[in-house]
């Protein structure tokens, strides 16, 4: 009997997560809408919605008139029901965001640095966690469910490409950021690769709402990728699926890129932002960050156009190779380029891909991403929310590599934890 009762509680908690996820995905819905979406009885959904409302996770949004019978009450996710902090530890900057259960970004903080010095990065990350947490009203602070951290798996790698001091590279070999942050906060910590986190943001708040299978490219300081299959992030046994940086492509046509040392070039040395900024500076155009391109305007030409063409050629080649292995409906390209330049680059990629794609492949739609430069930080913030509230808590966090030294905050919340009670 005890086991039967335990299973009933687990099923109830799972169904609560299913209904909450359906409500998040639909935006606004009646109990009847939710019952159809979740494939549950109206009676079951009525009880679940009441429980979610009591826990502060759902709220009524008025009545829907114009139908037969009594007007239906419309519900939506309660934004204040839960909040999460996301950090993106990048090679040139650290971004911090605070998001709520409805997906709204409440606050954004950004700091740039010349090099990612481990201790300085850790101090800055801890300070942002404190700042974002303390910015909330006291009654909302206890609704922060965790901190997601997005960062490259090899943050100290590729030293020559970024002219990193050897001491910085060596320091990351020994530094445990998870342990350091665990000393500064009691909030659960969740780590994820930054490109996978950017794909997660697109999955939950962008094109993933209508496309279930896509490859995501993040054009950042170094290019990265993420793979979404059947609405789930696929990271592989080592958390390194869709690691497109080392993907083999032909040599660059840019005068500022040296010829490859081996039989092929890699995508990282053709489709990354550091290549673009280096190409511009080498041709007399002063620039340090991608966002400066907007202000440069025509002063960036013709060198910006040269990089776009070279990047498009390399990315089109990578897309052909990728879809020969994985069948997807779309390819989404996002990153830190200003929006107009991103769309121009995506159009160049689309044209180049159409020119080289061989027969025998199903051609995916190639689209510009919808999240932008904060995608990795937003994706990181999503992970604690999914760990706490998603029907399948493994969707986003099932393959995170284990840290070198265990800490008191590892991994995601256990499955069937159920909606957290804030009463």
Protein backbone atom coordinates (compact mmCIF):
# COMPACT_ATOMS: atom_id res chain seq x y z
CA UNK A 1 0.00 0.00 0.00
CA UNK A 2 2.83 2.33 0.83
CA UNK A 3 4.43 1.73 -2.54
CA UNK A 4 1.12 2.30 -4.30
CA UNK A 5 0.65 5.59 -2.47
CA UNK A 6 4.17 6.68 -3.35
CA UNK A 7 3.55 5.96 -7.01
CA UNK A 8 0.33 7.99 -6.90
CA UNK A 9 2.20 10.98 -5.52
CA UNK A 10 4.86 10.65 -8.22
CA UNK A 11 2.22 10.48 -10.94
CA UNK A 12 0.48 13.53 -9.50
CA UNK A 13 3.75 15.48 -9.42
CA UNK A 14 4.55 14.43 -12.99
CA UNK A 15 1.11 15.51 -14.22
CA UNK A 16 1.53 18.86 -12.46
CA UNK A 17 4.74 19.38 -14.40
CA UNK A 18 3.05 18.37 -17.65
CA UNK A 19 0.25 20.87 -17.13
CA UNK A 20 2.65 23.65 -16.10
CA UNK A 21 4.80 23.04 -19.18
CA UNK A 22 1.71 23.04 -21.42
CA UNK A 23 0.63 26.33 -19.87
CA UNK A 24 4.07 27.85 -20.43
CA UNK A 25 4.12 26.69 -24.03
CA UNK A 26 0.57 27.87 -24.83
CA UNK A 27 0.90 31.24 -23.09
CA UNK A 28 -2.72 31.40 -21.99
CA UNK A 29 -5.19 28.53 -21.79
CA UNK A 30 -8.39 27.34 -20.20
CA UNK A 31 -8.64 24.15 -18.16
CA UNK A 32 -10.25 22.46 -21.17
CA UNK A 33 -7.33 23.57 -23.39
CA UNK A 34 -4.87 22.15 -20.87
CA UNK A 35 -6.76 18.88 -20.54
CA UNK A 36 -6.57 18.38 -24.31
CA UNK A 37 -2.90 19.35 -24.50
CA UNK A 38 -1.83 17.21 -21.53
CA UNK A 39 -4.14 14.31 -22.44
CA UNK A 40 -5.66 14.34 -18.94
CA UNK A 41 -9.25 14.36 -17.73
CA UNK A 42 -10.90 17.72 -17.08
CA UNK A 43 -11.35 16.72 -13.43
CA UNK A 44 -7.64 15.95 -13.02
CA UNK A 45 -6.62 19.22 -14.68
CA UNK A 46 -9.05 21.21 -12.52
CA UNK A 47 -7.37 19.88 -9.38
CA UNK A 48 -3.87 20.45 -10.78
CA UNK A 49 -4.62 24.03 -11.84
CA UNK A 50 -6.01 24.76 -8.37
CA UNK A 51 -2.82 23.37 -6.80
CA UNK A 52 -0.59 25.37 -9.15
CA UNK A 53 -2.55 28.52 -8.42
CA UNK A 54 -2.29 27.93 -4.67
CA UNK A 55 1.48 27.42 -5.00
CA UNK A 56 1.77 30.72 -6.89
CA UNK A 57 2.86 29.07 -10.16
CA UNK A 58 -0.26 29.84 -12.22
CA UNK A 59 -2.71 32.73 -12.18
CA UNK A 60 -6.09 33.58 -13.77
CA UNK A 61 -6.10 36.08 -16.62
CA UNK A 62 -9.80 36.82 -17.08
CA UNK A 63 -12.58 35.09 -18.96
CA UNK A 64 -12.95 33.82 -22.52
CA UNK A 65 -16.38 34.78 -23.87
CA UNK A 66 -18.12 34.01 -27.15
CA UNK A 67 -18.53 30.27 -26.58
CA UNK A 68 -21.50 28.11 -25.71
CA UNK A 69 -22.11 27.96 -21.97
CA UNK A 70 -20.38 29.85 -19.21
CA UNK A 71 -17.23 31.87 -20.12
CA UNK A 72 -14.03 29.91 -19.42
CA UNK A 73 -11.40 31.22 -17.02
CA UNK A 74 -8.08 31.71 -18.77
CA UNK A 75 -4.86 30.88 -16.92
CA UNK A 76 -1.20 31.73 -17.48
CA UNK A 77 2.09 30.99 -15.79
CA UNK A 78 2.63 33.35 -12.86
CA UNK A 79 5.85 35.28 -13.63
CA UNK A 80 6.70 35.63 -9.93
CA UNK A 81 6.14 31.93 -9.34
CA UNK A 82 9.83 31.19 -9.71
CA UNK A 83 12.97 33.01 -10.80
CA UNK A 84 16.40 31.93 -11.91
CA UNK A 85 19.83 33.45 -12.44
CA UNK A 86 21.90 32.69 -15.53
CA UNK A 87 25.61 33.38 -16.02
CA UNK A 88 27.56 33.17 -19.26
CA UNK A 89 31.29 33.01 -18.63
CA UNK A 90 32.74 33.90 -22.01
CA UNK A 91 36.24 34.42 -23.30
CA UNK A 92 35.79 38.21 -23.52
CA UNK A 93 32.86 39.00 -21.21
CA UNK A 94 30.61 37.74 -18.45
CA UNK A 95 26.85 38.15 -18.85
CA UNK A 96 24.35 37.73 -16.01
CA UNK A 97 20.57 37.62 -16.35
CA UNK A 98 17.62 37.22 -14.01
CA UNK A 99 14.57 35.58 -15.61
CA UNK A 100 11.15 34.65 -14.27
CA UNK A 101 8.92 31.63 -14.76
CA UNK A 102 7.18 33.27 -17.72
CA UNK A 103 10.51 33.71 -19.50
CA UNK A 104 10.79 37.46 -19.05
CA UNK A 105 14.27 38.85 -18.53
CA UNK A 106 14.08 40.96 -15.36
CA UNK A 107 17.64 42.27 -15.29
CA UNK A 108 20.84 42.03 -17.35
CA UNK A 109 24.42 42.78 -16.27
CA UNK A 110 27.55 42.58 -18.43
CA UNK A 111 31.26 43.04 -17.78
CA UNK A 112 34.03 42.81 -20.34
CA UNK A 113 37.63 41.78 -19.76
CA UNK A 114 40.77 41.37 -21.82
CA UNK A 115 41.37 37.82 -20.58
CA UNK A 116 39.25 35.41 -18.52
CA UNK A 117 41.40 35.34 -15.39
CA UNK A 118 39.89 32.48 -13.32
CA UNK A 119 39.83 34.15 -9.90
CA UNK A 120 38.60 37.47 -11.29
CA UNK A 121 35.89 35.69 -13.28
CA UNK A 122 34.79 33.76 -10.19
CA UNK A 123 34.66 36.92 -8.07
CA UNK A 124 32.65 38.73 -10.73
CA UNK A 125 30.24 35.81 -11.14
CA UNK A 126 29.67 35.57 -7.39
CA UNK A 127 29.13 39.33 -7.18
CA UNK A 128 26.51 39.21 -9.94
CA UNK A 129 24.66 36.37 -8.20
CA UNK A 130 24.52 38.46 -5.04
CA UNK A 131 23.48 41.58 -6.94
CA UNK A 132 20.67 39.92 -8.89
CA UNK A 133 19.40 38.04 -5.86
CA UNK A 134 19.41 41.08 -3.58
CA UNK A 135 17.70 43.21 -6.26
CA UNK A 136 14.49 41.27 -5.63
CA UNK A 137 11.93 42.06 -2.99
CA UNK A 138 12.42 39.86 0.12
CA UNK A 139 9.34 37.74 -0.67
CA UNK A 140 10.71 36.94 -4.13
CA UNK A 141 14.24 36.00 -3.07
CA UNK A 142 13.10 32.62 -1.77
CA UNK A 143 11.56 31.92 -5.17
CA UNK A 144 14.95 31.90 -6.90
CA UNK A 145 15.38 28.20 -7.72
CA UNK A 146 19.04 28.18 -8.74
CA UNK A 147 21.93 29.50 -10.78
CA UNK A 148 22.77 28.21 -14.24
CA UNK A 149 26.33 28.71 -15.50
CA UNK A 150 27.13 28.52 -19.21
CA UNK A 151 30.77 28.41 -20.21
CA UNK A 152 33.02 26.80 -22.83
CA UNK A 153 34.29 23.38 -21.80
CA UNK A 154 37.78 24.47 -22.85
CA UNK A 155 37.84 28.04 -21.62
CA UNK A 156 41.61 28.07 -21.33
CA UNK A 157 42.08 26.46 -24.75
CA UNK A 158 42.86 27.98 -28.15
CA UNK A 159 45.49 30.20 -26.57
CA UNK A 160 47.16 31.18 -29.83
CA UNK A 161 43.91 32.30 -31.47
CA UNK A 162 43.18 34.79 -28.69
CA UNK A 163 46.78 35.54 -27.72
CA UNK A 164 46.05 34.39 -24.16
CA UNK A 165 48.91 34.57 -21.67
CA UNK A 166 50.17 31.12 -20.75
CA UNK A 167 49.46 31.82 -17.07
CA UNK A 168 45.72 32.20 -17.84
CA UNK A 169 45.59 28.92 -19.72
CA UNK A 170 47.51 27.12 -16.98
CA UNK A 171 45.33 28.63 -14.24
CA UNK A 172 42.13 27.19 -15.77
CA UNK A 173 43.65 23.71 -15.70
CA UNK A 174 43.60 23.79 -11.90
CA UNK A 175 40.69 26.12 -11.14
CA UNK A 176 37.31 24.70 -10.05
CA UNK A 177 34.71 27.37 -10.74
CA UNK A 178 31.87 25.20 -9.44
CA UNK A 179 33.53 24.76 -6.07
CA UNK A 180 34.35 28.47 -5.87
CA UNK A 181 30.76 29.54 -6.59
CA UNK A 182 29.40 26.94 -4.18
CA UNK A 183 31.32 28.72 -1.44
CA UNK A 184 29.50 31.96 -2.26
CA UNK A 185 25.88 30.83 -2.59
CA UNK A 186 23.49 28.27 -1.17
CA UNK A 187 21.50 28.24 -4.41
CA UNK A 188 21.76 25.02 -6.48
CA UNK A 189 24.31 25.31 -9.29
CA UNK A 190 23.87 23.85 -12.78
CA UNK A 191 26.65 23.92 -15.39
CA UNK A 192 26.27 23.62 -19.16
CA UNK A 193 28.34 24.24 -22.26
CA UNK A 194 27.71 27.78 -23.51
CA UNK A 195 26.77 26.84 -27.08
CA UNK A 196 24.38 24.19 -25.76
CA UNK A 197 22.87 26.82 -23.46
CA UNK A 198 22.32 29.16 -26.42
CA UNK A 199 20.55 26.33 -28.24
CA UNK A 200 18.45 25.76 -25.11
CA UNK A 201 17.27 29.38 -25.14
CA UNK A 202 16.26 29.02 -28.79
CA UNK A 203 14.48 25.76 -28.00
CA UNK A 204 12.41 27.16 -25.14
CA UNK A 205 11.77 30.76 -26.18
CA UNK A 206 12.57 30.93 -29.90
CA UNK A 207 12.17 28.78 -33.00
CA UNK A 208 11.93 25.68 -30.82
CA UNK A 209 8.31 26.57 -30.12
CA UNK A 210 7.45 25.54 -33.70
CA UNK A 211 10.45 23.45 -34.85
CA UNK A 212 11.25 20.22 -32.99
CA UNK A 213 14.53 19.31 -34.72
CA UNK A 214 17.26 21.82 -35.52
CA UNK A 215 20.98 22.51 -35.42
CA UNK A 216 21.95 25.73 -33.67
CA UNK A 217 25.11 27.67 -34.50
CA UNK A 218 26.29 30.32 -32.08
CA UNK A 219 28.60 32.79 -33.83
CA UNK A 220 30.54 34.05 -30.84
CA UNK A 221 34.20 34.78 -30.09
CA UNK A 222 34.55 31.14 -31.16
CA UNK A 223 31.75 29.44 -33.05
CA UNK A 224 29.87 26.68 -31.27
CA UNK A 225 26.84 24.54 -31.84
CA UNK A 226 23.92 22.71 -30.30
CA UNK A 227 21.69 19.89 -31.49
CA UNK A 228 17.94 19.70 -30.81
CA UNK A 229 16.16 16.44 -31.63
CA UNK A 230 12.47 15.89 -30.94
CA UNK A 231 12.38 18.98 -28.76
CA UNK A 232 15.30 17.90 -26.58
CA UNK A 233 18.88 19.08 -26.33
CA UNK A 234 21.18 16.21 -27.30
CA UNK A 235 24.60 16.61 -25.73
CA UNK A 236 26.13 13.14 -26.06
CA UNK A 237 28.05 11.04 -23.51
CA UNK A 238 30.69 13.73 -22.99
CA UNK A 239 28.45 16.78 -23.33
CA UNK A 240 30.19 17.66 -26.58
CA UNK A 241 27.67 16.90 -29.35
CA UNK A 242 27.53 19.49 -32.14
CA UNK A 243 30.94 20.86 -31.20
CA UNK A 244 31.36 22.50 -34.58
CA UNK A 245 34.50 24.48 -33.76
CA UNK A 246 36.88 21.72 -34.92
CA UNK A 247 34.70 20.77 -37.93
CA UNK A 248 36.93 20.33 -41.04
CA UNK A 249 36.42 22.84 -43.84
CA UNK A 250 38.48 24.25 -46.70
CA UNK A 251 41.12 26.97 -46.26
CA UNK A 252 40.10 30.59 -45.74
CA UNK A 253 40.25 33.09 -48.57
CA UNK A 254 40.98 35.99 -46.23
CA UNK A 255 44.41 37.54 -46.58
CA UNK A 256 44.73 37.82 -42.80
CA UNK A 257 44.20 34.11 -42.07
CA UNK A 258 47.31 31.95 -42.42
CA UNK A 259 47.02 28.72 -44.41
CA UNK A 260 46.16 25.62 -42.38
CA UNK A 261 49.01 23.58 -40.99
CA UNK A 262 47.35 20.29 -41.96
CA UNK A 263 45.19 18.96 -44.79
CA UNK A 264 42.18 21.06 -43.81
CA UNK A 265 41.13 24.15 -41.88
CA UNK A 266 38.65 24.05 -39.00
CA UNK A 267 35.40 26.00 -38.79
CA UNK A 268 36.54 27.88 -35.68
CA UNK A 269 39.25 29.65 -37.70
CA UNK A 270 36.80 30.80 -40.38
CA UNK A 271 33.40 31.48 -38.79
CA UNK A 272 34.33 33.02 -35.43
CA UNK A 273 34.09 36.64 -34.36
CA UNK A 274 37.78 36.80 -33.40
CA UNK A 275 38.59 36.16 -37.09
CA UNK A 276 36.36 39.07 -38.11
CA UNK A 277 37.78 41.56 -35.61
CA UNK A 278 41.34 40.52 -36.46
CA UNK A 279 40.64 40.94 -40.18
CA UNK A 280 39.23 44.42 -39.63
CA UNK A 281 42.07 45.58 -37.38
CA UNK A 282 44.71 44.21 -39.75
CA UNK A 283 43.14 46.37 -42.47
CA UNK A 284 43.14 49.54 -40.40
CA UNK A 285 39.60 49.39 -38.97
CA UNK A 286 39.71 49.88 -35.16
CA UNK A 287 37.44 47.37 -33.43
CA UNK A 288 37.52 45.18 -30.32
CA UNK A 289 33.97 43.88 -29.92
CA UNK A 290 31.34 42.72 -32.41
CA UNK A 291 28.73 45.23 -31.21
CA UNK A 292 31.00 48.06 -32.44
CA UNK A 293 30.19 47.04 -36.02
CA UNK A 294 26.89 48.92 -35.89
CA UNK A 295 28.60 52.24 -35.24
CA UNK A 296 31.32 51.58 -37.82
CA UNK A 297 28.83 51.38 -40.68
CA UNK A 298 30.50 51.73 -44.09
CA UNK A 299 33.92 52.18 -42.48
CA UNK A 300 33.96 48.39 -41.96
CA UNK A 301 33.72 47.76 -45.71
CA UNK A 302 34.88 45.99 -47.80
CA UNK A 303 36.46 43.86 -45.08
CA UNK A 304 33.19 42.99 -43.36
CA UNK A 305 31.81 41.72 -46.67
CA UNK A 306 34.94 39.65 -47.20
CA UNK A 307 34.50 37.97 -43.82
CA UNK A 308 30.78 37.36 -44.38
CA UNK A 309 31.51 35.62 -47.68
CA UNK A 310 34.27 33.51 -46.13
CA UNK A 311 32.18 32.67 -43.07
CA UNK A 312 29.19 31.76 -45.25
CA UNK A 313 31.28 29.43 -47.38
CA UNK A 314 32.62 27.61 -44.34
CA UNK A 315 29.29 27.38 -42.55
CA UNK A 316 27.49 26.16 -45.68
CA UNK A 317 30.07 23.37 -45.94
CA UNK A 318 29.54 22.46 -42.28
CA UNK A 319 25.76 22.40 -42.72
CA UNK A 320 26.02 20.03 -45.68
CA UNK A 321 28.18 17.67 -43.64
CA UNK A 322 25.93 17.92 -40.59
CA UNK A 323 22.64 17.18 -42.36
CA UNK A 324 24.24 14.22 -44.12
CA UNK A 325 24.54 12.69 -40.63
CA UNK A 326 21.57 14.17 -38.74
CA UNK A 327 18.19 14.83 -40.33
CA UNK A 328 16.79 18.15 -39.05
CA UNK A 329 14.07 20.53 -40.15
CA UNK A 330 16.02 23.74 -39.63
CA UNK A 331 19.39 25.31 -39.02
CA UNK A 332 19.33 28.33 -36.72
CA UNK A 333 22.22 30.80 -36.65
CA UNK A 334 22.54 33.34 -33.86
CA UNK A 335 25.29 35.01 -31.86
CA UNK A 336 26.74 38.37 -30.94
CA UNK A 337 26.64 40.04 -34.36
CA UNK A 338 24.35 43.10 -34.59
CA UNK A 339 20.97 42.02 -35.93
CA UNK A 340 21.26 43.55 -39.40
CA UNK A 341 24.70 41.99 -39.93
CA UNK A 342 23.50 38.63 -38.59
CA UNK A 343 20.61 38.59 -41.07
CA UNK A 344 22.96 39.58 -43.88
CA UNK A 345 25.32 36.75 -42.89
CA UNK A 346 22.48 34.21 -42.71
CA UNK A 347 21.31 35.21 -46.18
CA UNK A 348 24.85 34.70 -47.51
CA UNK A 349 24.98 31.28 -45.83
CA UNK A 350 21.63 30.35 -47.35
CA UNK A 351 22.75 31.35 -50.84
CA UNK A 352 26.06 29.51 -50.57
CA UNK A 353 24.37 26.40 -49.17
CA UNK A 354 21.88 26.31 -52.04
CA UNK A 355 24.78 26.52 -54.48
CA UNK A 356 26.70 23.55 -53.05
CA UNK A 357 24.15 21.19 -51.49
CA UNK A 358 24.33 17.81 -53.29
CA UNK A 359 21.41 15.60 -54.26
CA UNK A 360 20.18 13.06 -51.76
CA UNK A 361 19.81 15.44 -48.82
CA UNK A 362 16.63 16.91 -47.36
CA UNK A 363 17.24 20.65 -47.32
CA UNK A 364 16.48 22.34 -43.97
CA UNK A 365 15.27 25.90 -43.49
CA UNK A 366 18.17 28.20 -42.60
CA UNK A 367 17.06 30.94 -40.21
CA UNK A 368 18.46 33.73 -38.09
CA UNK A 369 18.10 33.09 -34.38
CA UNK A 370 15.56 34.96 -32.29
CA UNK A 371 17.36 35.39 -28.94
CA UNK A 372 20.57 37.30 -29.68
CA UNK A 373 23.69 38.01 -27.70
CA UNK A 374 22.23 37.01 -24.31
CA UNK A 375 21.21 33.54 -25.52
CA UNK A 376 23.84 31.60 -23.55
CA UNK A 377 23.03 33.40 -20.28
CA UNK A 378 19.27 32.98 -20.81
CA UNK A 379 19.77 29.32 -21.66
CA UNK A 380 21.78 28.89 -18.47
CA UNK A 381 18.97 30.48 -16.44
CA UNK A 382 16.45 28.10 -18.00
CA UNK A 383 18.25 25.01 -16.68
CA UNK A 384 17.35 25.48 -12.96
CA UNK A 385 13.73 26.15 -13.93
CA UNK A 386 13.57 22.98 -16.03
CA UNK A 387 15.28 20.99 -13.31
CA UNK A 388 12.60 22.09 -10.87
CA UNK A 389 9.48 22.15 -13.02
CA UNK A 390 9.82 20.33 -16.38
CA UNK A 391 8.11 16.93 -16.84
CA UNK A 392 11.48 15.43 -17.75
CA UNK A 393 14.20 17.07 -15.69
CA UNK A 394 16.81 15.29 -17.84
CA UNK A 395 15.81 17.24 -20.95
CA UNK A 396 18.46 19.90 -20.45
CA UNK A 397 20.83 18.56 -17.82
CA UNK A 398 21.17 14.81 -18.26
CA UNK A 399 24.70 14.73 -19.63
CA UNK A 400 26.59 17.43 -17.79
CA UNK A 401 30.18 16.30 -17.23
CA UNK A 402 30.99 15.73 -13.58
CA UNK A 403 33.21 18.33 -11.91
CA UNK A 404 36.72 17.31 -10.93
CA UNK A 405 35.91 17.72 -7.24
CA UNK A 406 32.41 17.09 -5.93
CA UNK A 407 30.62 19.94 -4.18
CA UNK A 408 27.42 20.16 -2.27
CA UNK A 409 25.53 21.45 -5.33
CA UNK A 410 25.78 18.99 -8.21
CA UNK A 411 23.43 18.26 -11.07
CA UNK A 412 19.72 18.92 -11.30
CA UNK A 413 16.87 18.44 -8.89
CA UNK A 414 15.64 14.87 -8.80
CA UNK A 415 12.84 13.85 -11.12
CA UNK A 416 9.31 13.97 -9.68
CA UNK A 417 10.29 16.62 -7.16
CA UNK A 418 7.03 18.25 -8.14
CA UNK A 419 6.30 21.97 -8.23
CA UNK A 420 8.12 23.58 -5.35
CA UNK A 421 5.90 24.76 -2.53
CA UNK A 422 6.33 28.44 -1.68
CA UNK A 423 3.46 28.63 0.81
